[in-house]
Amino acid sequence: MKINFISIVAPVFNEEEVIEEFYNRTRAMLLDCAFAYEILFIDDGSTDQSLRIIQKINIRDPNVKCLSFS
């Protein structure tokens, strides 16, 4: 069976220091494998800039989505 689409689910809680690196590495791997993809960040009420960083990534990559819990 060939995979044509993959969803990555990433839980986030105060991870502002690693989100960009995680995104860059994950995206690179997915593109190398030629997968259509979505990366879904689940923000569990972060109090740092995690949500803002994810929103900025989404502006440049619509395959990135975020679900945020307060």
C-alpha atoms as a PDB file:
ATOM      1  CA  MET A   1       0.000   0.000   0.000  1.00  0.00           C
ATOM      2  CA  LYS A   2       1.376   3.393  -0.979  1.00  0.00           C
ATOM      3  CA  ILE A   3       0.964   6.325   1.406  1.00  0.00           C
ATOM      4  CA  ASN A   4      -0.164   9.482  -0.363  1.00  0.00           C
ATOM      5  CA  PHE A   5      -0.974  11.658   2.632  1.00  0.00           C
ATOM      6  CA  ILE A   6       0.323  11.760   6.175  1.00  0.00           C
ATOM      7  CA  SER A   7      -0.800  13.660   9.266  1.00  0.00           C
ATOM      8  CA  ILE A   8       1.672  14.519  12.006  1.00  0.00           C
ATOM      9  CA  VAL A   9       0.146  15.405  15.385  1.00  0.00           C
ATOM     10  CA  ALA A  10       2.445  17.305  17.736  1.00  0.00           C
ATOM     11  CA  PRO A  11       1.412  18.143  21.311  1.00  0.00           C
ATOM     12  CA  VAL A  12       2.746  21.511  22.473  1.00  0.00           C
ATOM     13  CA  PHE A  13       3.067  23.051  25.916  1.00  0.00           C
ATOM     14  CA  ASN A  14       5.530  25.938  26.291  1.00  0.00           C
ATOM     15  CA  GLU A  15       7.768  24.719  23.470  1.00  0.00           C
ATOM     16  CA  GLU A  16       8.677  28.050  21.843  1.00  0.00           C
ATOM     17  CA  GLU A  17      12.370  27.146  21.686  1.00  0.00           C
ATOM     18  CA  VAL A  18      11.890  23.996  19.598  1.00  0.00           C
ATOM     19  CA  ILE A  19       8.811  24.511  17.406  1.00  0.00           C
ATOM     20  CA  GLU A  20      10.639  26.005  14.394  1.00  0.00           C
ATOM     21  CA  GLU A  21      13.298  23.280  14.447  1.00  0.00           C
ATOM     22  CA  PHE A  22      10.680  20.550  14.798  1.00  0.00           C
ATOM     23  CA  TYR A  23       8.706  22.023  11.911  1.00  0.00           C
ATOM     24  CA  ASN A  24      11.753  22.421   9.656  1.00  0.00           C
ATOM     25  CA  ARG A  25      13.017  18.878  10.237  1.00  0.00           C
ATOM     26  CA  THR A  26       9.587  17.301   9.949  1.00  0.00           C
ATOM     27  CA  ARG A  27       8.725  19.183   6.764  1.00  0.00           C
ATOM     28  CA  ALA A  28      12.073  18.328   5.178  1.00  0.00           C
ATOM     29  CA  MET A  29      11.578  14.634   5.893  1.00  0.00           C
ATOM     30  CA  LEU A  30       8.047  14.686   4.488  1.00  0.00           C
ATOM     31  CA  LEU A  31       9.133  16.508   1.339  1.00  0.00           C
ATOM     32  CA  ASP A  32      12.048  14.089   0.837  1.00  0.00           C
ATOM     33  CA  CYS A  33       9.545  11.236   0.956  1.00  0.00           C
ATOM     34  CA  ALA A  34       7.216  13.112  -1.420  1.00  0.00           C
ATOM     35  CA  PHE A  35       4.271  12.901   0.971  1.00  0.00           C
ATOM     36  CA  ALA A  36       1.380  15.297   0.933  1.00  0.00           C
ATOM     37  CA  TYR A  37       1.102  16.266   4.559  1.00  0.00           C
ATOM     38  CA  GLU A  38      -0.434  18.207   7.381  1.00  0.00           C
ATOM     39  CA  ILE A  39       1.223  19.046  10.659  1.00  0.00           C
ATOM     40  CA  LEU A  40      -1.299  19.564  13.425  1.00  0.00           C
ATOM     41  CA  PHE A  41       0.019  21.268  16.544  1.00  0.00           C
ATOM     42  CA  ILE A  42      -2.126  20.776  19.648  1.00  0.00           C
ATOM     43  CA  ASP A  43      -1.370  23.653  22.037  1.00  0.00           C
ATOM     44  CA  ASP A  44      -2.429  22.724  25.546  1.00  0.00           C
ATOM     45  CA  GLY A  45      -2.602  26.216  27.025  1.00  0.00           C
ATOM     46  CA  SER A  46       0.981  27.378  26.538  1.00  0.00           C
ATOM     47  CA  THR A  47       1.862  30.592  28.345  1.00  0.00           C
ATOM     48  CA  ASP A  48       4.900  31.372  26.184  1.00  0.00           C
ATOM     49  CA  GLN A  49       5.005  32.337  22.482  1.00  0.00           C
ATOM     50  CA  SER A  50       4.297  28.810  21.192  1.00  0.00           C
ATOM     51  CA  LEU A  51       0.905  29.653  19.690  1.00  0.00           C
ATOM     52  CA  ARG A  52       2.198  32.805  18.001  1.00  0.00           C
ATOM     53  CA  ILE A  53       5.097  30.862  16.446  1.00  0.00           C
ATOM     54  CA  ILE A  54       2.730  28.190  15.118  1.00  0.00           C
ATOM     55  CA  GLN A  55       0.452  30.873  13.666  1.00  0.00           C
ATOM     56  CA  LYS A  56       3.429  32.455  11.864  1.00  0.00           C
ATOM     57  CA  ILE A  57       4.405  29.080  10.422  1.00  0.00           C
ATOM     58  CA  ASN A  58       0.812  28.607   9.228  1.00  0.00           C
ATOM     59  CA  ILE A  59       0.967  31.880   7.291  1.00  0.00           C
ATOM     60  CA  ARG A  60       3.801  30.538   5.153  1.00  0.00           C
ATOM     61  CA  ASP A  61       2.685  26.905   5.129  1.00  0.00           C
ATOM     62  CA  PRO A  62      -1.065  26.234   4.977  1.00  0.00           C
ATOM     63  CA  ASN A  63      -0.372  22.544   5.674  1.00  0.00           C
ATOM     64  CA  VAL A  64       0.264  23.550   9.286  1.00  0.00           C
ATOM     65  CA  LYS A  65      -2.767  23.714  11.546  1.00  0.00           C
ATOM     66  CA  CYS A  66      -3.215  24.416  15.234  1.00  0.00           C
ATOM     67  CA  LEU A  67      -5.783  23.480  17.820  1.00  0.00           C
ATOM     68  CA  SER A  68      -5.380  25.588  20.953  1.00  0.00           C
ATOM     69  CA  PHE A  69      -6.843  24.870  24.355  1.00  0.00           C
ATOM     70  CA  SER A  70      -6.914  27.651  26.923  1.00  0.00           C
END
